[in-house]
Structures are given as C-alpha cells and as structure tokens.
N, C-alpha and C. Protein backbone atom coordinates (compact mmCIF):
# COMPACT_ATOMS: atom_id res chain seq x y z
N MET A 1 106.23 12.47 85.53
CA MET A 1 106.89 11.87 84.43
C MET A 1 108.39 11.37 85.63
N ARG A 2 109.03 10.36 85.26
CA ARG A 2 110.18 9.74 86.11
C ARG A 2 111.44 10.19 85.34
N SER A 3 112.46 10.46 86.21
CA SER A 3 113.94 10.98 85.83
C SER A 3 114.60 9.80 85.08
N THR A 4 115.87 10.09 84.78
CA THR A 4 116.77 9.15 83.94
C THR A 4 116.63 7.77 84.46
N CYS A 5 116.43 6.83 83.48
CA CYS A 5 116.38 5.73 83.77
C CYS A 5 117.87 5.19 84.15
N LEU A 6 117.70 4.28 85.48
CA LEU A 6 119.05 3.77 85.92
C LEU A 6 119.42 2.44 85.48
N LEU A 7 118.31 1.71 84.77
CA LEU A 7 118.94 0.27 84.30
C LEU A 7 120.30 0.15 83.41
N PRO A 8 120.53 1.10 82.64
CA PRO A 8 122.00 0.59 82.16
C PRO A 8 122.92 0.37 83.17
N LEU A 9 123.12 1.29 84.14
CA LEU A 9 123.96 1.49 85.23
C LEU A 9 124.02 0.08 85.89
N PHE A 10 122.59 -0.06 86.27
CA PHE A 10 122.37 -1.13 87.19
C PHE A 10 122.55 -2.61 86.53
N LEU A 11 122.60 -2.68 85.43
CA LEU A 11 123.08 -3.83 84.59
C LEU A 11 124.31 -4.02 84.55
N VAL A 12 125.11 -2.83 84.65
CA VAL A 12 126.68 -3.16 84.47
C VAL A 12 127.08 -3.47 85.94
N ALA A 13 126.54 -2.90 87.23
CA ALA A 13 126.61 -3.06 88.25
C ALA A 13 126.62 -4.72 88.83
N ILE A 14 125.34 -5.06 88.39
CA ILE A 14 125.22 -6.44 89.07
C ILE A 14 125.14 -7.38 88.04
N GLY A 15 125.16 -7.31 86.76
CA GLY A 15 124.98 -8.31 85.46
C GLY A 15 126.25 -9.34 85.71
N SER A 16 127.15 -9.07 85.97
CA SER A 16 128.20 -10.08 86.19
C SER A 16 127.73 -11.20 87.40
N ALA A 17 127.33 -10.76 88.32
CA ALA A 17 126.75 -11.37 89.30
C ALA A 17 125.88 -12.31 89.32
N HIS A 18 125.13 -11.98 88.16
CA HIS A 18 123.92 -13.13 87.71
C HIS A 18 124.19 -13.68 86.48
N ALA A 19 125.48 -13.67 85.96
CA ALA A 19 125.86 -14.13 84.41
C ALA A 19 125.82 -15.58 84.58
N GLN A 20 125.92 -16.37 85.79
CA GLN A 20 126.09 -17.73 85.65
C GLN A 20 124.69 -18.20 86.13
N SER A 21 123.93 -17.29 86.13
CA SER A 21 122.39 -17.96 86.46
C SER A 21 121.62 -18.35 85.37
N THR A 22 120.48 -19.47 85.43
CA THR A 22 119.99 -19.70 84.14
C THR A 22 118.89 -18.61 83.78
N ILE A 23 119.11 -18.34 82.62
CA ILE A 23 118.30 -17.41 81.94
C ILE A 23 117.02 -17.93 81.53
N ASP A 24 115.90 -17.70 81.84
CA ASP A 24 114.52 -17.96 81.39
C ASP A 24 113.90 -16.98 80.35
N LEU A 25 114.39 -17.14 79.41
CA LEU A 25 114.27 -16.36 78.07
C LEU A 25 112.86 -16.04 77.71
N PRO A 26 112.07 -17.23 77.77
CA PRO A 26 110.29 -16.86 77.50
C PRO A 26 109.77 -15.98 78.74
N ALA A 27 110.30 -16.46 79.77
CA ALA A 27 109.95 -15.88 81.07
C ALA A 27 110.22 -14.21 80.97
N LEU A 28 111.26 -13.91 80.86
CA LEU A 28 111.90 -12.44 80.78
C LEU A 28 110.86 -11.83 79.40
N ILE A 29 110.74 -12.37 78.28
CA ILE A 29 109.77 -11.92 77.33
C ILE A 29 108.56 -11.89 77.35
N GLU A 30 107.99 -12.53 78.41
CA GLU A 30 106.34 -12.43 78.80
C GLU A 30 106.47 -11.64 80.16
N CYS A 31 107.39 -11.14 80.61
CA CYS A 31 107.25 -9.68 81.99
C CYS A 31 106.99 -10.64 82.68
N ARG A 32 107.40 -12.00 82.90
CA ARG A 32 107.27 -12.90 84.31
C ARG A 32 108.47 -12.89 85.25
N GLN A 33 109.42 -11.96 85.05
CA GLN A 33 110.68 -11.56 85.70
C GLN A 33 110.56 -10.28 86.38
N SER A 34 111.66 -9.82 86.82
CA SER A 34 111.99 -8.56 87.10
C SER A 34 113.31 -7.93 86.82
N VAL A 35 113.63 -7.00 87.26
CA VAL A 35 114.95 -6.02 86.72
C VAL A 35 116.01 -7.11 87.43
N SER A 36 116.09 -7.54 88.24
CA SER A 36 117.31 -8.45 88.82
C SER A 36 117.42 -9.53 88.04
N GLU A 37 116.34 -10.25 87.54
CA GLU A 37 116.67 -11.32 86.48
C GLU A 37 117.30 -11.22 85.13
N PHE A 38 116.52 -9.73 84.68
CA PHE A 38 116.73 -9.11 83.45
C PHE A 38 118.28 -8.67 83.31
N ALA A 39 118.92 -8.33 84.64
CA ALA A 39 120.26 -8.10 84.56
C ALA A 39 121.13 -9.22 84.30
N ALA A 40 120.91 -10.37 84.01
CA ALA A 40 121.61 -11.55 83.85
C ALA A 40 121.67 -11.65 82.42
N LEU A 41 121.27 -10.73 81.76
CA LEU A 41 121.32 -10.47 80.40
C LEU A 41 122.83 -9.76 79.52
N ALA A 42 123.06 -8.86 80.64
CA ALA A 42 124.11 -7.68 80.47
C ALA A 42 125.25 -8.59 80.25
N PRO A 43 125.67 -9.68 80.48
CA PRO A 43 127.13 -10.03 79.99
C PRO A 43 126.73 -10.62 78.52
N VAL A 44 125.72 -11.09 78.25
CA VAL A 44 125.35 -11.56 76.91
C VAL A 44 125.45 -10.56 75.84
N VAL A 45 124.89 -9.19 76.22
CA VAL A 45 124.98 -8.28 75.56
C VAL A 45 126.24 -7.69 75.11
N ASN A 46 127.05 -7.42 76.30
CA ASN A 46 128.31 -7.17 76.23
C ASN A 46 129.62 -7.86 75.40
N ASP A 47 129.41 -9.46 75.54
CA ASP A 47 130.40 -10.22 74.91
C ASP A 47 129.60 -11.19 74.14
N PRO A 48 129.74 -11.21 72.67
CA PRO A 48 129.10 -11.88 71.62
C PRO A 48 129.45 -13.49 72.15
N LEU A 49 130.59 -13.89 72.73
CA LEU A 49 130.80 -15.34 72.70
C LEU A 49 130.22 -15.79 74.04
N LYS A 50 129.47 -14.78 74.91
CA LYS A 50 128.61 -15.56 75.99
C LYS A 50 127.49 -15.77 75.49
N ALA A 51 126.97 -14.80 74.49
CA ALA A 51 125.92 -15.12 73.70
C ALA A 51 126.02 -16.35 72.79
N VAL A 52 127.34 -16.65 72.21
CA VAL A 52 127.14 -17.88 71.60
C VAL A 52 127.25 -19.22 72.63
N ALA A 53 127.72 -19.03 73.60
CA ALA A 53 127.70 -20.12 74.79
C ALA A 53 126.66 -20.30 75.11
N LEU A 54 125.35 -19.40 75.02
CA LEU A 54 124.12 -19.65 75.56
C LEU A 54 123.31 -20.15 74.43
N GLY A 55 123.68 -20.29 73.05
CA GLY A 55 123.04 -20.66 72.10
C GLY A 55 122.33 -19.55 71.19
N TRP A 56 122.99 -18.41 71.43
CA TRP A 56 122.77 -17.38 70.54
C TRP A 56 123.49 -16.72 69.65
N ARG A 57 122.94 -16.90 68.36
CA ARG A 57 124.04 -16.40 67.27
C ARG A 57 123.69 -14.87 66.93
N PRO A 58 124.55 -13.96 67.08
CA PRO A 58 124.38 -12.57 67.01
C PRO A 58 124.15 -12.54 65.53
N LEU A 59 123.27 -11.69 65.00
CA LEU A 59 122.73 -11.51 63.74
C LEU A 59 123.19 -10.15 63.09
N PRO A 60 123.69 -9.82 61.87
CA PRO A 60 123.66 -8.69 61.49
C PRO A 60 122.89 -7.56 61.88
N GLN A 61 123.15 -6.28 62.32
CA GLN A 61 122.21 -5.45 62.92
C GLN A 61 121.49 -5.12 61.69
N GLY A 62 120.13 -5.00 61.20
CA GLY A 62 119.21 -4.69 60.61
C GLY A 62 118.38 -3.46 60.94
N ASN A 63 118.66 -3.29 62.49
CA ASN A 63 117.99 -1.69 63.16
C ASN A 63 119.23 -1.25 63.69
N LEU A 64 119.32 -0.23 63.58
CA LEU A 64 120.43 0.65 64.40
C LEU A 64 119.90 0.41 66.16
N PHE A 65 119.09 0.43 66.36
CA PHE A 65 118.39 0.59 68.01
C PHE A 65 118.26 -1.00 68.68
N MET A 66 118.54 -2.08 67.95
CA MET A 66 118.31 -3.50 68.10
C MET A 66 119.73 -4.38 67.98
N ALA A 67 119.79 -5.14 68.97
CA ALA A 67 120.79 -6.14 68.95
C ALA A 67 120.14 -7.48 68.59
N GLU A 68 120.11 -7.98 67.54
CA GLU A 68 119.42 -9.14 67.40
C GLU A 68 120.06 -10.77 67.41
N TYR A 69 119.52 -11.63 67.69
CA TYR A 69 120.00 -13.12 67.88
C TYR A 69 119.22 -14.04 67.22
N GLN A 70 119.85 -14.90 66.61
CA GLN A 70 119.25 -16.27 66.34
C GLN A 70 119.51 -17.55 67.37
N LEU A 71 118.42 -18.14 67.76
CA LEU A 71 118.55 -19.13 68.86
C LEU A 71 118.84 -20.40 68.22
N ASN A 72 119.66 -21.23 68.77
CA ASN A 72 119.91 -22.43 68.36
C ASN A 72 118.55 -23.17 68.65
N THR A 73 117.95 -23.05 69.55
CA THR A 73 116.61 -23.95 70.22
C THR A 73 115.72 -22.77 70.30
N PRO A 74 114.08 -22.89 69.00
CA PRO A 74 113.21 -21.97 69.15
C PRO A 74 112.63 -22.17 70.76
N ILE A 75 112.02 -20.75 70.77
CA ILE A 75 111.34 -20.90 72.13
C ILE A 75 109.71 -20.55 72.07
N THR A 76 109.09 -20.70 72.65
CA THR A 76 107.76 -20.38 72.61
C THR A 76 106.98 -19.56 73.49
N VAL A 77 106.48 -17.90 73.09
CA VAL A 77 106.10 -17.10 73.83
C VAL A 77 104.79 -16.57 73.21
N PHE A 78 103.80 -16.09 74.23
CA PHE A 78 102.63 -15.90 73.89
C PHE A 78 101.88 -16.70 72.93
N GLY A 79 102.29 -18.24 73.12
CA GLY A 79 101.52 -18.99 72.46
C GLY A 79 102.10 -19.31 70.88
N HIS A 80 103.34 -18.66 70.54
CA HIS A 80 103.85 -18.49 69.24
C HIS A 80 105.39 -19.00 69.22
N THR A 81 105.95 -19.80 68.33
CA THR A 81 107.23 -20.18 68.36
C THR A 81 108.03 -19.17 67.53
N SER A 82 109.24 -19.08 68.15
CA SER A 82 110.24 -18.04 67.48
C SER A 82 111.68 -18.34 67.68
N ASP A 83 112.52 -18.06 66.89
CA ASP A 83 113.71 -18.58 67.20
C ASP A 83 114.79 -17.12 66.70
N HIS A 84 114.13 -16.09 66.66
CA HIS A 84 114.52 -14.95 66.59
C HIS A 84 114.58 -13.83 67.64
N VAL A 85 115.48 -13.16 68.46
CA VAL A 85 114.92 -12.31 69.83
C VAL A 85 116.03 -10.90 69.36
N ALA A 86 115.51 -9.93 70.36
CA ALA A 86 116.39 -8.77 70.21
C ALA A 86 116.40 -7.95 71.28
N MET A 87 117.18 -7.04 71.32
CA MET A 87 117.33 -6.35 72.87
C MET A 87 117.62 -4.90 72.47
N ALA A 88 117.07 -4.03 72.92
CA ALA A 88 117.26 -2.65 72.92
C ALA A 88 117.05 -1.95 74.35
N GLY A 89 118.23 -1.75 74.84
CA GLY A 89 117.97 -0.76 76.18
C GLY A 89 117.38 -1.85 77.07
N GLY A 90 116.48 -1.35 77.65
CA GLY A 90 115.77 -2.33 78.99
C GLY A 90 114.67 -3.06 78.56
N THR A 91 115.04 -3.57 77.04
CA THR A 91 113.57 -4.38 76.38
C THR A 91 114.25 -5.58 75.62
N ILE A 92 113.40 -6.58 76.15
CA ILE A 92 113.83 -8.07 75.30
C ILE A 92 112.46 -8.50 74.82
N LEU A 93 112.76 -8.72 73.46
CA LEU A 93 111.67 -9.14 72.47
C LEU A 93 111.75 -10.11 71.52
N ALA A 94 111.02 -10.77 71.44
CA ALA A 94 110.66 -11.74 70.41
C ALA A 94 110.19 -11.27 68.84
N ILE A 95 110.79 -11.66 67.97
CA ILE A 95 110.26 -11.52 66.83
C ILE A 95 109.62 -12.53 65.90
N LEU A 96 108.19 -11.87 65.75
CA LEU A 96 107.36 -13.32 65.39
C LEU A 96 106.90 -13.18 64.12
N ASP A 97 106.91 -14.37 63.48
CA ASP A 97 106.10 -14.39 61.93
C ASP A 97 104.89 -14.06 62.06
N MET A 98 104.37 -12.84 62.24
CA MET A 98 102.90 -12.20 62.12
C MET A 98 103.05 -10.65 61.56
N ALA A 99 102.13 -10.84 60.35
CA ALA A 99 102.20 -9.39 59.68
C ALA A 99 101.43 -8.59 60.49
N ASP A 100 100.34 -8.79 60.99
CA ASP A 100 99.34 -7.91 61.89
C ASP A 100 99.38 -8.35 63.47
N PRO A 101 100.11 -7.19 64.27
CA PRO A 101 100.54 -7.23 65.38
C PRO A 101 99.11 -7.18 66.31
N ARG A 102 97.89 -6.48 65.63
CA ARG A 102 96.72 -6.46 66.73
C ARG A 102 96.11 -7.25 67.02
N PRO A 103 96.14 -8.43 66.72
CA PRO A 103 95.28 -9.60 67.39
C PRO A 103 96.17 -10.04 68.39
N LEU A 104 97.77 -9.95 68.47
CA LEU A 104 98.03 -10.45 69.58
C LEU A 104 98.13 -9.53 70.74
N ALA A 105 98.05 -8.25 70.41
CA ALA A 105 97.86 -7.24 71.44
C ALA A 105 96.54 -7.13 72.03
N LYS A 106 95.58 -7.72 71.41
CA LYS A 106 94.17 -7.47 72.03
C LYS A 106 93.99 -8.62 72.60
N GLN A 107 94.78 -10.01 72.65
CA GLN A 107 95.06 -11.27 73.04
C GLN A 107 95.45 -10.81 74.49
N LEU A 108 96.55 -9.93 74.86
CA LEU A 108 97.42 -9.84 75.68
C LEU A 108 96.65 -8.72 76.58
N GLU A 109 95.66 -8.05 75.87
CA GLU A 109 94.84 -6.95 76.64
C GLU A 109 95.71 -5.82 76.69
N LEU A 110 96.31 -5.27 75.65
CA LEU A 110 96.94 -4.14 75.80
C LEU A 110 96.45 -3.09 75.48
N GLU A 111 96.76 -1.79 75.88
CA GLU A 111 96.08 -0.34 75.31
C GLU A 111 96.60 -0.16 74.15
N VAL A 112 96.21 0.29 73.28
CA VAL A 112 96.86 0.88 72.00
C VAL A 112 97.44 2.14 72.00
N GLY A 113 98.40 2.52 71.97
CA GLY A 113 99.06 3.95 71.81
C GLY A 113 99.39 4.60 70.54
N TYR A 114 99.52 3.70 69.66
CA TYR A 114 99.87 4.38 68.28
C TYR A 114 98.85 3.22 67.19
N ASP A 115 98.52 3.97 66.15
CA ASP A 115 97.84 2.74 65.10
C ASP A 115 97.26 3.72 63.69
N ALA A 116 98.58 4.22 62.84
CA ALA A 116 98.45 4.92 61.75
C ALA A 116 99.53 4.53 60.79
N ASP A 117 99.35 4.87 59.85
CA ASP A 117 100.47 4.68 58.60
C ASP A 117 101.30 3.66 58.67
N GLY A 118 100.30 2.50 58.96
CA GLY A 118 101.17 0.91 59.12
C GLY A 118 102.09 0.85 60.31
N LYS A 119 102.05 1.95 60.95
CA LYS A 119 102.77 1.61 62.51
C LYS A 119 101.63 1.46 63.55
N PHE A 120 102.24 0.55 64.39
CA PHE A 120 101.29 -0.08 65.58
C PHE A 120 102.27 -0.14 66.58
N MET A 121 101.65 0.49 67.76
CA MET A 121 102.34 -0.02 69.31
C MET A 121 101.30 0.00 70.29
N ALA A 122 101.10 -0.99 71.16
CA ALA A 122 100.39 -1.24 72.53
C ALA A 122 101.23 -1.53 73.60
N GLY A 123 100.61 -1.53 74.65
CA GLY A 123 101.37 -1.85 75.87
C GLY A 123 100.64 -1.82 77.22
N ARG A 124 101.01 -2.49 78.05
CA ARG A 124 100.43 -2.23 79.42
C ARG A 124 101.43 -2.71 80.42
N GLU A 125 101.32 -1.57 81.67
CA GLU A 125 102.52 -1.77 82.78
C GLU A 125 101.84 -2.78 83.68
N LEU A 126 102.68 -3.76 83.91
CA LEU A 126 102.37 -5.02 84.63
C LEU A 126 102.54 -4.72 86.26
N VAL A 127 103.86 -3.81 86.44
CA VAL A 127 104.50 -3.63 87.70
C VAL A 127 104.92 -2.47 87.82
N SER A 128 104.52 -1.85 88.65
CA SER A 128 105.21 -0.63 89.08
C SER A 128 105.57 -0.48 90.76
N ARG A 129 106.55 -0.80 91.03
CA ARG A 129 106.65 -0.92 92.55
C ARG A 129 107.88 -0.05 93.09
N ASP A 130 107.84 0.35 94.11
CA ASP A 130 108.63 1.05 95.11
C ASP A 130 109.86 0.02 95.49
N VAL A 131 111.38 0.14 95.41
CA VAL A 131 112.24 -0.56 95.87
C VAL A 131 113.30 0.23 96.29
N ASN A 132 114.16 -0.26 97.24
CA ASN A 132 115.21 0.45 97.54
C ASN A 132 116.82 -0.09 97.17
N ASP A 133 117.63 0.78 96.58
CA ASP A 133 118.82 0.01 96.42
C ASP A 133 119.59 -0.31 97.54
N ALA A 134 120.20 -1.75 97.37
CA ALA A 134 120.63 -2.37 98.79
C ALA A 134 121.81 -1.65 99.06
N LYS A 135 122.39 -1.10 98.38
CA LYS A 135 124.00 -0.40 98.85
C LYS A 135 123.40 0.92 99.57
N THR A 136 122.93 1.78 98.80
CA THR A 136 122.46 3.24 99.07
C THR A 136 121.45 3.55 99.77
N GLY A 137 120.35 2.62 99.78
CA GLY A 137 119.16 2.74 100.32
C GLY A 137 117.90 3.81 99.53
N GLU A 138 118.71 4.06 98.28
CA GLU A 138 117.72 5.24 97.60
C GLU A 138 116.72 4.59 96.98
N ALA A 139 115.64 5.58 97.15
CA ALA A 139 114.44 5.09 96.87
C ALA A 139 114.29 5.04 95.44
N LEU A 140 113.83 4.15 94.66
CA LEU A 140 113.64 3.61 92.89
C LEU A 140 112.27 3.16 93.03
N ILE A 141 111.89 3.03 91.75
CA ILE A 141 110.70 2.67 91.14
C ILE A 141 110.93 1.76 90.18
N GLU A 142 110.76 0.37 90.60
CA GLU A 142 110.47 -0.72 89.45
C GLU A 142 109.71 -0.69 88.52
N SER A 143 109.70 -0.60 87.23
CA SER A 143 108.47 -1.02 86.44
C SER A 143 108.75 -2.15 85.33
N VAL A 144 107.47 -2.52 84.68
CA VAL A 144 107.53 -3.93 84.03
C VAL A 144 106.67 -3.72 83.06
N VAL A 145 106.76 -3.71 81.90
CA VAL A 145 106.07 -3.23 80.75
C VAL A 145 105.72 -4.14 79.52
N LEU A 146 104.81 -4.67 79.09
CA LEU A 146 104.45 -5.77 78.26
C LEU A 146 104.36 -4.90 76.99
N GLY A 147 104.89 -5.19 75.76
CA GLY A 147 104.47 -4.33 74.77
C GLY A 147 104.38 -5.26 73.39
N VAL A 148 103.51 -4.74 72.40
CA VAL A 148 103.44 -5.32 71.12
C VAL A 148 103.60 -4.04 70.23
N SER A 149 104.45 -4.39 68.91
CA SER A 149 104.56 -3.34 67.87
C SER A 149 105.35 -4.09 66.84
N ASN A 150 104.77 -2.93 65.48
CA ASN A 150 105.91 -3.70 64.25
C ASN A 150 106.81 -2.47 64.22
N VAL A 151 107.77 -2.75 63.21
CA VAL A 151 108.58 -1.91 62.75
C VAL A 151 109.10 -1.95 61.36
N LYS A 152 109.40 -0.73 60.86
CA LYS A 152 109.67 -0.73 59.07
C LYS A 152 110.98 -1.78 59.00
N SER A 153 112.26 -1.90 59.59
CA SER A 153 113.30 -2.62 59.57
C SER A 153 112.55 -4.13 59.25
N HIS A 154 111.60 -4.50 59.98
CA HIS A 154 111.33 -6.10 59.92
C HIS A 154 109.88 -5.89 59.40
N PRO A 155 109.79 -5.72 57.98
CA PRO A 155 108.08 -6.08 57.33
C PRO A 155 107.58 -7.52 57.67
N GLY A 156 106.41 -7.74 58.08
CA GLY A 156 105.80 -8.76 58.16
C GLY A 156 106.09 -9.47 59.43
N LYS A 157 106.51 -8.92 60.42
CA LYS A 157 106.91 -9.35 61.52
C LYS A 157 106.38 -8.62 62.83
N THR A 158 106.01 -9.25 63.73
CA THR A 158 105.61 -8.45 64.98
C THR A 158 106.38 -8.71 66.04
N LEU A 159 106.66 -7.48 66.87
CA LEU A 159 107.90 -7.76 68.01
C LEU A 159 106.64 -7.40 69.02
N ALA A 160 107.21 -8.59 70.11
CA ALA A 160 106.57 -8.70 71.24
C ALA A 160 107.46 -9.02 72.74
N GLY A 161 107.49 -8.27 73.28
CA GLY A 161 108.22 -8.33 74.64
C GLY A 161 107.98 -7.48 75.82
N CYS A 162 108.88 -7.46 76.65
CA CYS A 162 108.93 -6.48 77.96
C CYS A 162 110.24 -5.70 77.97
N THR A 163 109.87 -4.51 78.59
CA THR A 163 110.57 -3.56 79.15
C THR A 163 110.73 -3.46 80.54
N TYR A 164 112.08 -3.69 81.17
CA TYR A 164 112.32 -3.30 82.45
C TYR A 164 113.02 -2.47 82.77
N SER A 165 112.51 -1.35 83.66
CA SER A 165 113.15 -0.03 83.97
C SER A 165 113.31 0.22 85.43
N LEU A 166 114.43 0.79 85.84
CA LEU A 166 114.76 1.15 87.26
C LEU A 166 114.77 2.50 87.19
N ASP A 167 114.03 3.37 87.84
CA ASP A 167 114.05 4.76 87.89
C ASP A 167 113.87 5.47 88.97
N GLN A 168 114.37 6.89 89.25
CA GLN A 168 114.28 7.36 90.28
C GLN A 168 112.85 8.23 90.49
N PRO A 169 112.14 8.40 91.50
CA PRO A 169 110.87 9.05 91.50
C PRO A 169 111.21 10.71 91.23
N ALA A 170 110.09 10.83 90.35
CA ALA A 170 110.28 12.55 89.98
C ALA A 170 109.66 13.27 91.08
N GLU A 171 110.21 14.34 91.42
CA GLU A 171 109.94 15.23 92.57
C GLU A 171 108.39 15.46 92.45
N ASP A 172 107.81 15.69 90.78
CA ASP A 172 106.06 16.08 91.05
C ASP A 172 105.35 14.72 90.96
N GLU A 173 105.99 13.30 91.09
CA GLU A 173 105.22 12.22 90.92
C GLU A 173 103.96 12.17 91.55
N ALA A 174 103.88 12.86 92.85
CA ALA A 174 102.59 12.84 93.46
C ALA A 174 101.36 13.72 92.75
N ALA A 175 101.70 14.83 91.97
CA ALA A 175 100.58 15.35 91.02
C ALA A 175 101.04 15.32 89.91
N PRO A 176 100.99 14.14 89.05
CA PRO A 176 101.35 14.18 87.61
C PRO A 176 100.61 15.37 86.61
N ALA A 177 101.20 15.72 85.66
CA ALA A 177 100.60 16.76 84.68
C ALA A 177 99.64 15.51 84.01
N PRO A 178 98.33 16.18 83.44
CA PRO A 178 97.44 15.34 82.81
C PRO A 178 98.12 15.43 81.25
N ALA A 179 97.92 14.00 80.47
CA ALA A 179 98.65 14.04 79.34
C ALA A 179 97.74 14.86 78.47
N SER A 180 98.38 15.16 77.18
CA SER A 180 97.89 16.05 76.28
C SER A 180 96.91 15.50 75.63
N PRO A 181 95.30 15.71 75.04
CA PRO A 181 94.37 14.96 74.13
C PRO A 181 95.31 14.65 72.76
N GLU A 182 96.06 15.81 72.36
CA GLU A 182 96.85 15.64 71.04
C GLU A 182 98.07 14.87 70.68
N ALA A 183 98.58 14.36 72.39
CA ALA A 183 99.76 13.61 72.42
C ALA A 183 99.56 12.45 73.55
N PRO A 184 98.67 11.62 73.16
CA PRO A 184 98.62 10.45 74.35
C PRO A 184 99.96 10.05 74.62
N ALA A 185 100.00 9.60 76.04
CA ALA A 185 101.06 8.83 76.66
C ALA A 185 101.36 7.57 76.00
N ASP A 186 102.83 7.36 75.50
CA ASP A 186 103.25 6.35 75.18
C ASP A 186 103.22 5.12 76.23
N PRO A 187 102.36 3.88 75.91
CA PRO A 187 102.26 2.90 77.19
C PRO A 187 103.34 1.92 76.90
N THR A 188 104.38 1.99 76.00
CA THR A 188 105.54 1.18 76.04
C THR A 188 106.84 1.65 76.17
N PRO A 189 106.96 2.49 77.48
CA PRO A 189 108.61 3.33 77.60
C PRO A 189 109.61 2.46 77.59
N ALA A 190 110.54 2.97 77.24
CA ALA A 190 111.95 2.28 77.34
C ALA A 190 113.18 3.12 77.90
N ALA A 191 114.22 2.67 77.97
CA ALA A 191 115.25 3.34 78.72
C ALA A 191 115.51 4.80 78.08
N PRO A 192 115.58 5.79 78.51
CA PRO A 192 115.90 7.17 77.57
C PRO A 192 117.24 7.01 77.00
N SER A 193 117.43 7.61 76.15
CA SER A 193 118.59 7.53 75.10
C SER A 193 118.66 6.35 74.22
N ILE A 194 117.77 5.67 74.40
CA ILE A 194 117.78 4.49 73.54
C ILE A 194 116.37 4.54 72.88
N GLN A 195 116.31 4.26 71.69
CA GLN A 195 114.94 4.68 71.12
C GLN A 195 114.35 3.04 70.74
N THR A 196 113.34 2.99 71.33
CA THR A 196 112.69 1.54 71.58
C THR A 196 112.44 1.02 70.19
N PRO A 197 112.52 -0.44 70.02
CA PRO A 197 112.10 -1.19 68.60
C PRO A 197 110.91 -0.78 67.95
N GLY A 198 109.88 -0.41 68.79
CA GLY A 198 108.69 0.10 68.42
C GLY A 198 108.76 1.31 67.54
N THR A 199 109.78 2.25 67.78
CA THR A 199 109.50 3.34 67.07
C THR A 199 111.08 3.71 66.37
N ALA A 200 111.65 2.55 66.25
CA ALA A 200 112.94 2.56 65.21
C ALA A 200 112.58 2.63 63.99
N GLY A 201 112.94 3.39 63.10
CA GLY A 201 113.01 3.05 61.45
C GLY A 201 111.63 3.74 61.18
N THR A 202 111.14 4.36 61.76
CA THR A 202 109.88 5.24 61.39
C THR A 202 110.12 6.55 60.75
C-alpha cells in the first residue's frame, strides 16, 4: 500500500506553470497523459473564471465529491460524445449518457472491482513508474488508472475517466500483503481524503 498521495500539493506547486499550456481534455480523460499534464487543470479547478475562459461552464454541485462542468464544445472520448465533465481529486471524468457501464468497461478491458446492488466499478492501472522530484530528488511513484463506474447522484449515466496520482513508495512495497478474499482491492484508487466519484453517494 502506498503512503499519502502527493498529487494535490504537486498541482498547487506546478499548476500555474502549466496554466497557459493547451489542455487536451480527451487525452487526459482517456489516460493518454501524465501527472504533469494533469497539473495544468489546477488553475481551472481553483478559479471558475479560468474554467469559463476554457469554455467550461461550472455546474451546480450535484455530488459533494465532484466539481462538474458543461463544455461549450462537446468532446469525444472512448467513442462517445459528451459535453459534461467532472473532477474529483486526481480524477478527471466524462459523464456519458449510458445507463449501463458494463459494455464500456468490457470494451476497455477493465477489471471489475464491484458489481452489486446497482453499483458498478471497474478499472485498470495503465502506468506505474518510478520518478524523482526535480527539486528534492525524492523517489516517487507515478500511477495512471483508467476507470468506469456509475453513481447514485447521476442515474442513467456512466462515469469514465482517469486517475492520476503521485505517491511516496511504501516501506513494505517490496513485499505487499495479499488482498483479502472478502475485500478485493479497489482497481480505481484516487487521492486519499477525497472520495472517488465511483463511490460517492452510495
């Protein structure tokens, strides 16, 4: 298990440096980017006026764990069109008009983490690599996880997107404890202290 996720601090530290960069929203949602590109979203989340300047209209918060936006120009992700996106911690999502998330999860070859009582979660880690902090030289682990889920606050919708995290290696990482059969590991982790959209409202 990894220690506390450093991504929120990382975003604050370098987000403004990337603020003027072109944000490739479909690439971010489809996990075709890295933590550094994701950091370009920090100014958008922190300043609604910057979101509006990008063509994102902040929406009333329908879920306490997500900041939602309506896009002036729809995007195409995973073969589906959407003008509705959300952010939660290190996660960027497209909210799709799909009542059943299972076909998309199967298409993306994701591992099902939970499927019961109307709740579905699936995910797959695409990137896990060692990196070093450019200033301190500290060893970190960058992770990029693709996920598909649903949530009670958005009935008839599928949430699909990517979680970017930057963590310190755990001391016992070389010999991780086996997962309990009664509690399988969640394949779509997000930043600690921020509940993922896939679990919010359950």
